Amino acid sequence: IRIARCFEATRQRCCRLEQDGRRVREQLARVEAERAALEVKLKHARNQVEVEMNKRHRAEAELEKQERKLQLVFETLMREPWVSGEQRSVLSALAGRRFAASLAPARRSSAVDESCQSLLSHSDISYDRTEDDVVRS
């Protein structure tokens, strides 16, 4: 009788362990699916950041190009003999405000809050994917 009870206790323990194993495997499958979905989101987010950074670089390059053109126009106007002293002072005042504003960081990307630049700066973003590699066993 004692041996039969030991076998029964062992059988019940095996049944519980099998149920626990099934439950843990299901949980593992859910977690792996969630991880895969998060990896896809991370990949999309990285691609979007790269696209936006490229757009920003192109826009900043275009802005600098236009500012150089504006500076050349201003310098040309200031050298013209037909521009009166009063016109020169008005142009100087406008150009002074314009070029001072172009140097101010708040002027750039007015639609973007630049106070977060240290968090979002392209120079701070590392595309080293070794951090993403999770040891899978």
N, C-alpha and C. Protein backbone atom coordinates (compact mmCIF):
# COMPACT_ATOMS: atom_id res chain seq x y z
N ILE A 1 0.85 -1.20 0.00
CA ILE A 1 0.00 0.00 0.00
C ILE A 1 0.89 1.25 0.00
N ARG A 2 1.96 1.22 0.80
CA ARG A 2 2.85 2.38 0.86
C ARG A 2 3.48 2.64 -0.51
N ILE A 3 3.87 1.60 -1.21
CA ILE A 3 4.47 1.76 -2.54
C ILE A 3 3.44 2.33 -3.51
N ALA A 4 2.20 1.87 -3.41
CA ALA A 4 1.14 2.37 -4.29
C ALA A 4 0.90 3.85 -4.03
N ARG A 5 0.90 4.25 -2.74
CA ARG A 5 0.72 5.67 -2.40
C ARG A 5 1.89 6.50 -2.93
N CYS A 6 3.09 5.99 -2.82
CA CYS A 6 4.27 6.71 -3.35
C CYS A 6 4.16 6.86 -4.87
N PHE A 7 3.76 5.80 -5.56
CA PHE A 7 3.57 5.87 -7.00
C PHE A 7 2.49 6.90 -7.36
N GLU A 8 1.39 6.88 -6.60
CA GLU A 8 0.30 7.83 -6.86
C GLU A 8 0.77 9.27 -6.63
N ALA A 9 1.49 9.51 -5.55
CA ALA A 9 2.02 10.85 -5.27
C ALA A 9 2.98 11.29 -6.38
N THR A 10 3.80 10.35 -6.82
CA THR A 10 4.74 10.66 -7.90
C THR A 10 4.00 10.94 -9.20
N ARG A 11 2.97 10.16 -9.49
CA ARG A 11 2.17 10.38 -10.70
C ARG A 11 1.50 11.75 -10.68
N GLN A 12 0.93 12.11 -9.51
CA GLN A 12 0.27 13.41 -9.38
C GLN A 12 1.29 14.56 -9.55
N ARG A 13 2.47 14.39 -8.98
CA ARG A 13 3.51 15.41 -9.10
C ARG A 13 3.93 15.54 -10.57
N CYS A 14 4.05 14.42 -11.26
CA CYS A 14 4.39 14.45 -12.70
C CYS A 14 3.31 15.18 -13.50
N CYS A 15 2.05 14.91 -13.17
CA CYS A 15 0.94 15.60 -13.86
C CYS A 15 1.01 17.10 -13.64
N ARG A 16 1.26 17.52 -12.39
CA ARG A 16 1.39 18.95 -12.10
C ARG A 16 2.57 19.57 -12.85
N LEU A 17 3.67 18.86 -12.89
CA LEU A 17 4.85 19.37 -13.61
C LEU A 17 4.58 19.48 -15.11
N GLU A 18 3.85 18.52 -15.67
CA GLU A 18 3.49 18.60 -17.09
C GLU A 18 2.60 19.81 -17.35
N GLN A 19 1.63 20.04 -16.46
CA GLN A 19 0.75 21.21 -16.61
C GLN A 19 1.56 22.50 -16.48
N ASP A 20 2.46 22.55 -15.50
CA ASP A 20 3.31 23.73 -15.34
C ASP A 20 4.17 23.94 -16.58
N GLY A 21 4.72 22.86 -17.12
CA GLY A 21 5.54 22.95 -18.34
C GLY A 21 4.75 23.50 -19.51
N ARG A 22 3.51 23.01 -19.69
CA ARG A 22 2.66 23.53 -20.77
C ARG A 22 2.37 25.01 -20.57
N ARG A 23 2.03 25.38 -19.34
CA ARG A 23 1.72 26.78 -19.05
C ARG A 23 2.94 27.68 -19.32
N VAL A 24 4.12 27.23 -18.90
CA VAL A 24 5.33 28.02 -19.11
C VAL A 24 5.68 28.11 -20.59
N ARG A 25 5.49 27.02 -21.35
CA ARG A 25 5.76 27.05 -22.79
C ARG A 25 4.80 28.03 -23.50
N GLU A 26 3.53 28.03 -23.08
CA GLU A 26 2.57 28.98 -23.66
C GLU A 26 2.97 30.41 -23.33
N GLN A 27 3.37 30.63 -22.08
CA GLN A 27 3.81 31.96 -21.68
C GLN A 27 5.05 32.37 -22.48
N LEU A 28 5.98 31.45 -22.66
CA LEU A 28 7.18 31.73 -23.44
C LEU A 28 6.82 32.09 -24.88
N ALA A 29 5.89 31.37 -25.46
CA ALA A 29 5.47 31.65 -26.83
C ALA A 29 4.86 33.05 -26.93
N ARG A 30 4.03 33.42 -25.93
CA ARG A 30 3.45 34.78 -25.93
C ARG A 30 4.53 35.84 -25.80
N VAL A 31 5.47 35.62 -24.91
CA VAL A 31 6.53 36.60 -24.69
C VAL A 31 7.42 36.72 -25.93
N GLU A 32 7.73 35.60 -26.57
CA GLU A 32 8.54 35.64 -27.79
C GLU A 32 7.82 36.37 -28.91
N ALA A 33 6.51 36.16 -29.02
CA ALA A 33 5.73 36.87 -30.04
C ALA A 33 5.73 38.37 -29.75
N GLU A 34 5.59 38.73 -28.49
CA GLU A 34 5.62 40.14 -28.11
C GLU A 34 7.00 40.74 -28.40
N ARG A 35 8.06 40.00 -28.09
CA ARG A 35 9.42 40.47 -28.36
C ARG A 35 9.63 40.69 -29.85
N ALA A 36 9.15 39.74 -30.66
CA ALA A 36 9.28 39.87 -32.11
C ALA A 36 8.54 41.12 -32.60
N ALA A 37 7.35 41.34 -32.07
CA ALA A 37 6.58 42.52 -32.47
C ALA A 37 7.31 43.80 -32.06
N LEU A 38 7.90 43.80 -30.88
CA LEU A 38 8.65 44.98 -30.42
C LEU A 38 9.91 45.19 -31.27
N GLU A 39 10.55 44.12 -31.69
CA GLU A 39 11.72 44.25 -32.56
C GLU A 39 11.33 44.87 -33.90
N VAL A 40 10.17 44.47 -34.42
CA VAL A 40 9.69 45.05 -35.68
C VAL A 40 9.42 46.54 -35.48
N LYS A 41 8.78 46.89 -34.36
CA LYS A 41 8.51 48.30 -34.08
C LYS A 41 9.80 49.09 -33.95
N LEU A 42 10.79 48.50 -33.28
CA LEU A 42 12.09 49.16 -33.12
C LEU A 42 12.74 49.39 -34.48
N LYS A 43 12.67 48.39 -35.34
CA LYS A 43 13.26 48.53 -36.68
C LYS A 43 12.57 49.64 -37.45
N HIS A 44 11.25 49.68 -37.38
CA HIS A 44 10.50 50.74 -38.08
C HIS A 44 10.84 52.10 -37.50
N ALA A 45 10.94 52.18 -36.18
CA ALA A 45 11.27 53.45 -35.54
C ALA A 45 12.66 53.92 -35.95
N ARG A 46 13.62 53.00 -35.98
CA ARG A 46 14.98 53.37 -36.41
C ARG A 46 14.98 53.87 -37.85
N ASN A 47 14.25 53.17 -38.71
CA ASN A 47 14.18 53.60 -40.10
C ASN A 47 13.54 54.98 -40.21
N GLN A 48 12.48 55.21 -39.43
CA GLN A 48 11.81 56.51 -39.47
C GLN A 48 12.73 57.62 -38.96
N VAL A 49 13.49 57.33 -37.91
CA VAL A 49 14.45 58.32 -37.39
C VAL A 49 15.48 58.65 -38.46
N GLU A 50 15.96 57.63 -39.15
CA GLU A 50 16.96 57.86 -40.19
C GLU A 50 16.37 58.70 -41.33
N VAL A 51 15.14 58.39 -41.73
CA VAL A 51 14.48 59.16 -42.79
C VAL A 51 14.32 60.61 -42.35
N GLU A 52 13.85 60.81 -41.13
CA GLU A 52 13.64 62.18 -40.64
C GLU A 52 14.96 62.93 -40.50
N MET A 53 16.01 62.25 -40.07
CA MET A 53 17.32 62.90 -39.97
C MET A 53 17.80 63.32 -41.35
N ASN A 54 17.62 62.46 -42.34
CA ASN A 54 18.02 62.82 -43.70
C ASN A 54 17.23 64.02 -44.21
N LYS A 55 15.93 64.03 -43.94
CA LYS A 55 15.10 65.18 -44.35
C LYS A 55 15.59 66.45 -43.68
N ARG A 56 15.90 66.34 -42.38
CA ARG A 56 16.35 67.52 -41.65
C ARG A 56 17.68 68.02 -42.20
N HIS A 57 18.61 67.11 -42.49
CA HIS A 57 19.90 67.52 -43.04
C HIS A 57 19.72 68.22 -44.39
N ARG A 58 18.84 67.65 -45.23
CA ARG A 58 18.59 68.29 -46.53
C ARG A 58 17.97 69.67 -46.34
N ALA A 59 17.02 69.77 -45.42
CA ALA A 59 16.36 71.06 -45.19
C ALA A 59 17.35 72.08 -44.63
N GLU A 60 18.21 71.66 -43.72
CA GLU A 60 19.21 72.58 -43.17
C GLU A 60 20.21 73.00 -44.23
N ALA A 61 20.59 72.08 -45.11
CA ALA A 61 21.51 72.44 -46.20
C ALA A 61 20.85 73.44 -47.13
N GLU A 62 19.57 73.22 -47.45
CA GLU A 62 18.84 74.15 -48.30
C GLU A 62 18.71 75.51 -47.63
N LEU A 63 18.45 75.51 -46.33
CA LEU A 63 18.34 76.77 -45.59
C LEU A 63 19.66 77.53 -45.63
N GLU A 64 20.76 76.85 -45.41
CA GLU A 64 22.07 77.50 -45.46
C GLU A 64 22.35 78.06 -46.86
N LYS A 65 21.97 77.29 -47.88
CA LYS A 65 22.16 77.75 -49.25
C LYS A 65 21.36 79.03 -49.51
N GLN A 66 20.09 79.04 -49.06
CA GLN A 66 19.26 80.23 -49.24
C GLN A 66 19.78 81.41 -48.43
N GLU A 67 20.30 81.14 -47.22
CA GLU A 67 20.86 82.23 -46.41
C GLU A 67 22.10 82.81 -47.07
N ARG A 68 22.93 81.97 -47.70
CA ARG A 68 24.11 82.48 -48.43
C ARG A 68 23.66 83.35 -49.59
N LYS A 69 22.63 82.90 -50.30
CA LYS A 69 22.11 83.71 -51.41
C LYS A 69 21.60 85.06 -50.90
N LEU A 70 20.88 85.03 -49.80
CA LEU A 70 20.35 86.26 -49.23
C LEU A 70 21.48 87.19 -48.81
N GLN A 71 22.53 86.62 -48.21
CA GLN A 71 23.69 87.42 -47.81
C GLN A 71 24.34 88.05 -49.04
N LEU A 72 24.47 87.30 -50.14
CA LEU A 72 25.07 87.85 -51.36
C LEU A 72 24.21 88.98 -51.93
N VAL A 73 22.89 88.79 -51.91
CA VAL A 73 21.99 89.84 -52.39
C VAL A 73 22.14 91.09 -51.53
N PHE A 74 22.20 90.89 -50.24
CA PHE A 74 22.37 92.03 -49.33
C PHE A 74 23.68 92.75 -49.61
N GLU A 75 24.76 91.99 -49.74
CA GLU A 75 26.07 92.61 -49.99
C GLU A 75 26.07 93.34 -51.33
N THR A 76 25.42 92.76 -52.33
CA THR A 76 25.33 93.40 -53.64
C THR A 76 24.55 94.69 -53.54
N LEU A 77 23.42 94.67 -52.84
CA LEU A 77 22.61 95.89 -52.68
C LEU A 77 23.38 96.97 -51.95
N MET A 78 24.15 96.57 -50.95
CA MET A 78 24.89 97.57 -50.17
C MET A 78 26.00 98.23 -51.01
N ARG A 79 26.47 97.54 -52.04
CA ARG A 79 27.53 98.09 -52.90
C ARG A 79 26.98 98.95 -54.04
N GLU A 80 25.69 98.86 -54.29
CA GLU A 80 25.10 99.60 -55.41
C GLU A 80 25.13 101.10 -55.12
N PRO A 81 25.55 101.88 -56.11
CA PRO A 81 25.63 103.34 -55.90
C PRO A 81 24.25 104.01 -55.82
N TRP A 82 23.23 103.42 -56.38
CA TRP A 82 21.91 104.04 -56.40
C TRP A 82 21.16 103.89 -55.07
N VAL A 83 21.70 103.06 -54.14
CA VAL A 83 21.05 102.89 -52.85
C VAL A 83 21.43 104.05 -51.95
N SER A 84 20.41 104.78 -51.44
CA SER A 84 20.67 105.96 -50.62
C SER A 84 21.12 105.56 -49.21
N GLY A 85 21.60 106.54 -48.47
CA GLY A 85 22.06 106.29 -47.10
C GLY A 85 20.94 105.77 -46.22
N GLU A 86 19.74 106.35 -46.40
CA GLU A 86 18.59 105.91 -45.60
C GLU A 86 18.23 104.46 -45.95
N GLN A 87 18.27 104.13 -47.25
CA GLN A 87 17.97 102.77 -47.68
C GLN A 87 19.01 101.79 -47.14
N ARG A 88 20.28 102.25 -47.12
CA ARG A 88 21.33 101.40 -46.58
C ARG A 88 21.11 101.12 -45.09
N SER A 89 20.70 102.14 -44.35
CA SER A 89 20.48 101.93 -42.91
C SER A 89 19.29 101.00 -42.68
N VAL A 90 18.24 101.13 -43.50
CA VAL A 90 17.10 100.23 -43.39
C VAL A 90 17.53 98.80 -43.73
N LEU A 91 18.28 98.67 -44.82
CA LEU A 91 18.78 97.34 -45.20
C LEU A 91 19.68 96.75 -44.12
N SER A 92 20.53 97.58 -43.54
CA SER A 92 21.43 97.11 -42.48
C SER A 92 20.63 96.65 -41.27
N ALA A 93 19.59 97.42 -40.92
CA ALA A 93 18.77 97.05 -39.77
C ALA A 93 18.04 95.73 -40.05
N LEU A 94 17.47 95.60 -41.25
CA LEU A 94 16.78 94.36 -41.61
C LEU A 94 17.76 93.19 -41.66
N ALA A 95 18.88 93.41 -42.26
CA ALA A 95 19.88 92.34 -42.37
C ALA A 95 20.44 91.99 -41.01
N GLY A 96 20.63 92.98 -40.17
CA GLY A 96 21.14 92.71 -38.82
C GLY A 96 20.19 91.80 -38.05
N ARG A 97 18.90 92.12 -38.12
CA ARG A 97 17.92 91.28 -37.45
C ARG A 97 17.85 89.90 -38.11
N ARG A 98 17.90 89.87 -39.41
CA ARG A 98 17.78 88.62 -40.16
C ARG A 98 18.96 87.70 -39.86
N PHE A 99 20.17 88.23 -39.92
CA PHE A 99 21.35 87.38 -39.73
C PHE A 99 21.58 87.05 -38.26
N ALA A 100 21.16 87.92 -37.37
CA ALA A 100 21.25 87.59 -35.95
C ALA A 100 20.26 86.47 -35.63
N ALA A 101 19.08 86.56 -36.25
CA ALA A 101 18.07 85.52 -36.03
C ALA A 101 18.50 84.19 -36.64
N SER A 102 19.23 84.26 -37.75
CA SER A 102 19.65 83.01 -38.39
C SER A 102 20.69 82.28 -37.55
N LEU A 103 21.36 82.99 -36.68
CA LEU A 103 22.35 82.35 -35.82
C LEU A 103 21.74 81.80 -34.55
N ALA A 104 20.53 82.26 -34.23
CA ALA A 104 19.88 81.82 -33.00
C ALA A 104 19.36 80.40 -33.18
N PRO A 105 19.67 79.49 -32.24
CA PRO A 105 19.20 78.12 -32.39
C PRO A 105 17.68 77.99 -32.28
N ALA A 106 17.03 78.91 -31.60
CA ALA A 106 15.57 78.81 -31.43
C ALA A 106 14.86 79.03 -32.77
N ARG A 107 15.51 79.71 -33.70
CA ARG A 107 14.89 79.98 -34.99
C ARG A 107 14.79 78.70 -35.81
N ARG A 108 15.76 77.85 -35.70
CA ARG A 108 15.80 76.64 -36.49
C ARG A 108 14.73 75.66 -36.01
N SER A 109 14.09 75.01 -36.93
CA SER A 109 13.08 73.99 -36.65
C SER A 109 12.08 74.46 -35.61
N SER A 110 11.42 75.57 -35.94
CA SER A 110 10.49 76.14 -34.98
C SER A 110 9.36 75.18 -34.63
N ALA A 111 9.08 74.23 -35.51
CA ALA A 111 8.02 73.26 -35.23
C ALA A 111 8.49 72.16 -34.29
N VAL A 112 9.79 72.09 -34.05
CA VAL A 112 10.34 71.05 -33.20
C VAL A 112 10.87 71.68 -31.93
N ASP A 113 10.56 71.08 -30.80
CA ASP A 113 11.07 71.58 -29.54
C ASP A 113 12.54 71.20 -29.43
N GLU A 114 13.42 72.19 -29.61
CA GLU A 114 14.86 71.92 -29.61
C GLU A 114 15.39 71.66 -28.21
N SER A 115 14.59 71.86 -27.17
CA SER A 115 15.07 71.60 -25.82
C SER A 115 15.37 70.12 -25.61
N CYS A 116 14.83 69.28 -26.46
CA CYS A 116 15.07 67.84 -26.38
C CYS A 116 16.21 67.42 -27.28
N GLN A 117 16.93 68.38 -27.84
CA GLN A 117 17.95 68.04 -28.81
C GLN A 117 18.99 67.09 -28.25
N SER A 118 19.35 67.26 -26.97
CA SER A 118 20.36 66.36 -26.42
C SER A 118 19.86 64.94 -26.38
N LEU A 119 18.55 64.76 -26.30
CA LEU A 119 17.98 63.42 -26.30
C LEU A 119 17.82 62.86 -27.70
N LEU A 120 17.57 63.75 -28.66
CA LEU A 120 17.24 63.29 -29.99
C LEU A 120 18.30 63.62 -31.03
N SER A 121 19.37 64.21 -30.63
CA SER A 121 20.40 64.61 -31.57
C SER A 121 20.91 63.41 -32.35
N HIS A 122 21.08 63.64 -33.65
CA HIS A 122 21.55 62.54 -34.49
C HIS A 122 22.94 62.09 -34.08
N SER A 123 23.72 62.97 -33.47
CA SER A 123 25.05 62.56 -33.06
C SER A 123 25.01 61.67 -31.82
N ASP A 124 23.92 61.73 -31.08
CA ASP A 124 23.79 60.92 -29.87
C ASP A 124 23.20 59.55 -30.15
N ILE A 125 22.63 59.36 -31.31
CA ILE A 125 21.96 58.11 -31.60
C ILE A 125 22.98 57.11 -32.10
N SER A 126 23.00 55.98 -31.47
CA SER A 126 23.92 54.93 -31.87
C SER A 126 23.14 53.88 -32.63
N TYR A 127 23.65 53.52 -33.76
CA TYR A 127 23.00 52.48 -34.55
C TYR A 127 23.70 51.14 -34.35
N ASP A 128 24.45 51.03 -33.27
CA ASP A 128 25.10 49.77 -32.94
C ASP A 128 24.04 48.80 -32.48
N ARG A 129 23.83 47.76 -33.23
CA ARG A 129 22.75 46.83 -32.94
C ARG A 129 23.18 45.72 -31.99
N THR A 130 24.41 45.80 -31.47
CA THR A 130 24.84 44.75 -30.56
C THR A 130 24.05 44.78 -29.27
N GLU A 131 23.56 45.97 -28.89
CA GLU A 131 22.75 46.07 -27.69
C GLU A 131 21.43 45.34 -27.87
N ASP A 132 20.98 45.23 -29.12
CA ASP A 132 19.70 44.59 -29.40
C ASP A 132 19.80 43.07 -29.35
N ASP A 133 21.00 42.56 -29.52
CA ASP A 133 21.17 41.12 -29.54
C ASP A 133 20.99 40.57 -28.13
N VAL A 134 19.95 39.81 -27.96
CA VAL A 134 19.67 39.21 -26.66
C VAL A 134 20.16 37.77 -26.72
N VAL A 135 20.85 37.38 -25.68
CA VAL A 135 21.34 36.01 -25.66
C VAL A 135 20.14 35.10 -25.55
N ARG A 136 19.99 34.26 -26.55
CA ARG A 136 18.85 33.35 -26.57
C ARG A 136 19.36 31.96 -26.28
N SER A 137 18.78 31.35 -25.29
CA SER A 137 19.21 30.00 -24.96
C SER A 137 18.05 29.04 -24.99
